[in-house]
Amino acid sequence: MAITTTTGTTTTRALAGDMTVDEFRQWIRRFDVNGDGRISRDELRHAIRNIGVRFSGWRSNRWIRQADSNGDGFIDVDDEIDNLIGYAKAKLGLNIVAY
């Protein structure tokens, strides 16, 4: 898995190697604080900052707009995650693969 979480200090960091789409889904779900199956702007910002990337509120709004196909202001982890994956590959350079 390319992104892991260490407990105690709850630090998340990027590691070398590929990450599957399922691993990315599992990782992003960890930041769904209220458990509603959707990622908010603040949850997304927290997730990206935890892998060591400076990520502003403006950028998280932009990501939400890019990935949010139904326009509700959230990223649905099950239905809209592919949009987020494409954006993460392009903007963060994450290597997310299908296998």
C-alpha atoms as a PDB file:
ATOM      1  CA  MET A   1       0.000   0.000   0.000  1.00  0.00           C
ATOM      2  CA  ALA A   2       1.388   3.383  -0.905  1.00  0.00           C
ATOM      3  CA  ILE A   3      -0.130   5.340   1.967  1.00  0.00           C
ATOM      4  CA  THR A   4      -0.107   4.125   5.546  1.00  0.00           C
ATOM      5  CA  THR A   5      -1.141   5.447   8.906  1.00  0.00           C
ATOM      6  CA  THR A   6       0.889   5.020  12.066  1.00  0.00           C
ATOM      7  CA  THR A   7      -1.026   5.119  15.301  1.00  0.00           C
ATOM      8  CA  GLY A   8      -0.056   7.131  18.322  1.00  0.00           C
ATOM      9  CA  THR A   9       0.678  10.375  16.546  1.00  0.00           C
ATOM     10  CA  THR A  10      -1.756   9.528  13.718  1.00  0.00           C
ATOM     11  CA  THR A  11       0.746  10.479  11.060  1.00  0.00           C
ATOM     12  CA  THR A  12       0.048   9.442   7.500  1.00  0.00           C
ATOM     13  CA  ARG A  13       2.775   9.472   4.916  1.00  0.00           C
ATOM     14  CA  ALA A  14       3.330   8.520   1.322  1.00  0.00           C
ATOM     15  CA  LEU A  15       5.532   5.519   0.629  1.00  0.00           C
ATOM     16  CA  ALA A  16       7.156   4.392  -2.577  1.00  0.00           C
ATOM     17  CA  GLY A  17       5.184   2.018  -4.756  1.00  0.00           C
ATOM     18  CA  ASP A  18       1.804   1.600  -6.321  1.00  0.00           C
ATOM     19  CA  MET A  19      -1.523   1.862  -4.565  1.00  0.00           C
ATOM     20  CA  THR A  20      -4.605   0.101  -5.859  1.00  0.00           C
ATOM     21  CA  VAL A  21      -7.934   1.843  -6.296  1.00  0.00           C
ATOM     22  CA  ASP A  22      -9.320  -0.233  -3.393  1.00  0.00           C
ATOM     23  CA  GLU A  23      -6.417   0.789  -1.156  1.00  0.00           C
ATOM     24  CA  PHE A  24      -7.022   4.444  -2.042  1.00  0.00           C
ATOM     25  CA  ARG A  25     -10.726   4.053  -1.197  1.00  0.00           C
ATOM     26  CA  GLN A  26      -9.892   2.451   2.147  1.00  0.00           C
ATOM     27  CA  TRP A  27      -7.386   5.184   2.931  1.00  0.00           C
ATOM     28  CA  ILE A  28      -9.712   8.069   2.050  1.00  0.00           C
ATOM     29  CA  ARG A  29     -12.552   6.476   4.050  1.00  0.00           C
ATOM     30  CA  ARG A  30     -10.398   6.834   7.178  1.00  0.00           C
ATOM     31  CA  PHE A  31     -10.914  10.571   6.929  1.00  0.00           C
ATOM     32  CA  ASP A  32     -14.711  10.355   6.733  1.00  0.00           C
ATOM     33  CA  VAL A  33     -14.950  11.540  10.332  1.00  0.00           C
ATOM     34  CA  ASN A  34     -18.739  11.501  10.625  1.00  0.00           C
ATOM     35  CA  GLY A  35     -19.127   8.195   8.766  1.00  0.00           C
ATOM     36  CA  ASP A  36     -21.631   9.468   6.202  1.00  0.00           C
ATOM     37  CA  GLY A  37     -19.802   7.929   3.215  1.00  0.00           C
ATOM     38  CA  ARG A  38     -18.916  11.346   1.829  1.00  0.00           C
ATOM     39  CA  ILE A  39     -15.727  13.393   2.007  1.00  0.00           C
ATOM     40  CA  SER A  40     -16.161  17.055   2.856  1.00  0.00           C
ATOM     41  CA  ARG A  41     -13.756  19.867   2.018  1.00  0.00           C
ATOM     42  CA  ASP A  42     -12.262  19.764   5.521  1.00  0.00           C
ATOM     43  CA  GLU A  43     -11.961  15.967   5.521  1.00  0.00           C
ATOM     44  CA  LEU A  44     -10.203  16.069   2.152  1.00  0.00           C
ATOM     45  CA  ARG A  45      -7.837  18.813   3.291  1.00  0.00           C
ATOM     46  CA  HIS A  46      -6.997  16.788   6.420  1.00  0.00           C
ATOM     47  CA  ALA A  47      -6.341  13.639   4.363  1.00  0.00           C
ATOM     48  CA  ILE A  48      -3.997  15.352   1.902  1.00  0.00           C
ATOM     49  CA  ARG A  49      -2.146  17.248   4.616  1.00  0.00           C
ATOM     50  CA  ASN A  50      -1.552  13.953   6.426  1.00  0.00           C
ATOM     51  CA  ILE A  51       0.553  12.669   3.531  1.00  0.00           C
ATOM     52  CA  GLY A  52       2.779  15.707   3.864  1.00  0.00           C
ATOM     53  CA  VAL A  53       1.368  17.931   1.124  1.00  0.00           C
ATOM     54  CA  ARG A  54       0.576  21.571   1.843  1.00  0.00           C
ATOM     55  CA  PHE A  55      -3.107  21.787   1.009  1.00  0.00           C
ATOM     56  CA  SER A  56      -5.152  24.954   1.413  1.00  0.00           C
ATOM     57  CA  GLY A  57      -8.895  25.376   1.780  1.00  0.00           C
ATOM     58  CA  TRP A  58      -8.965  26.868  -1.715  1.00  0.00           C
ATOM     59  CA  ARG A  59      -7.322  23.759  -3.176  1.00  0.00           C
ATOM     60  CA  SER A  60      -9.662  21.428  -1.342  1.00  0.00           C
ATOM     61  CA  ASN A  61     -12.636  23.387  -2.713  1.00  0.00           C
ATOM     62  CA  ARG A  62     -11.206  22.996  -6.199  1.00  0.00           C
ATOM     63  CA  TRP A  63     -10.744  19.258  -5.741  1.00  0.00           C
ATOM     64  CA  ILE A  64     -14.296  18.905  -4.458  1.00  0.00           C
ATOM     65  CA  ARG A  65     -15.633  20.770  -7.514  1.00  0.00           C
ATOM     66  CA  GLN A  66     -13.595  18.555  -9.856  1.00  0.00           C
ATOM     67  CA  ALA A  67     -14.680  15.269  -8.276  1.00  0.00           C
ATOM     68  CA  ASP A  68     -18.253  16.135  -7.240  1.00  0.00           C
ATOM     69  CA  SER A  69     -20.345  15.011 -10.205  1.00  0.00           C
ATOM     70  CA  ASN A  70     -23.739  15.520  -8.514  1.00  0.00           C
ATOM     71  CA  GLY A  71     -22.958  19.020  -7.208  1.00  0.00           C
ATOM     72  CA  ASP A  72     -23.782  18.408  -3.534  1.00  0.00           C
ATOM     73  CA  GLY A  73     -20.440  19.775  -2.288  1.00  0.00           C
ATOM     74  CA  PHE A  74     -19.108  16.393  -1.148  1.00  0.00           C
ATOM     75  CA  ILE A  75     -17.240  13.488  -2.707  1.00  0.00           C
ATOM     76  CA  ASP A  76     -19.233  10.271  -2.396  1.00  0.00           C
ATOM     77  CA  VAL A  77     -16.655   7.589  -1.589  1.00  0.00           C
ATOM     78  CA  ASP A  78     -18.497   4.916  -3.571  1.00  0.00           C
ATOM     79  CA  ASP A  79     -19.788   6.851  -6.585  1.00  0.00           C
ATOM     80  CA  GLU A  80     -17.395   9.753  -7.169  1.00  0.00           C
ATOM     81  CA  ILE A  81     -14.076   8.312  -6.031  1.00  0.00           C
ATOM     82  CA  ASP A  82     -12.876   7.717  -9.606  1.00  0.00           C
ATOM     83  CA  ASN A  83     -13.043  11.466 -10.241  1.00  0.00           C
ATOM     84  CA  LEU A  84     -10.914  12.077  -7.134  1.00  0.00           C
ATOM     85  CA  ILE A  85      -8.432   9.381  -8.162  1.00  0.00           C
ATOM     86  CA  GLY A  86      -7.871  10.989 -11.544  1.00  0.00           C
ATOM     87  CA  TYR A  87      -7.269  14.335  -9.927  1.00  0.00           C
ATOM     88  CA  ALA A  88      -4.935  12.837  -7.291  1.00  0.00           C
ATOM     89  CA  LYS A  89      -2.869  11.167 -10.011  1.00  0.00           C
ATOM     90  CA  ALA A  90      -2.547  14.374 -11.991  1.00  0.00           C
ATOM     91  CA  LYS A  91      -2.029  16.868  -9.157  1.00  0.00           C
ATOM     92  CA  LEU A  92      -0.246  14.851  -6.447  1.00  0.00           C
ATOM     93  CA  GLY A  93       1.559  12.344  -8.627  1.00  0.00           C
ATOM     94  CA  LEU A  94       0.114   9.398  -6.716  1.00  0.00           C
ATOM     95  CA  ASN A  95       0.489   6.125  -8.594  1.00  0.00           C
ATOM     96  CA  ILE A  96      -2.944   4.553  -8.244  1.00  0.00           C
ATOM     97  CA  VAL A  97      -3.396   1.400 -10.289  1.00  0.00           C
ATOM     98  CA  ALA A  98      -6.331  -0.900 -11.040  1.00  0.00           C
ATOM     99  CA  TYR A  99      -4.923  -4.174  -9.675  1.00  0.00           C
END
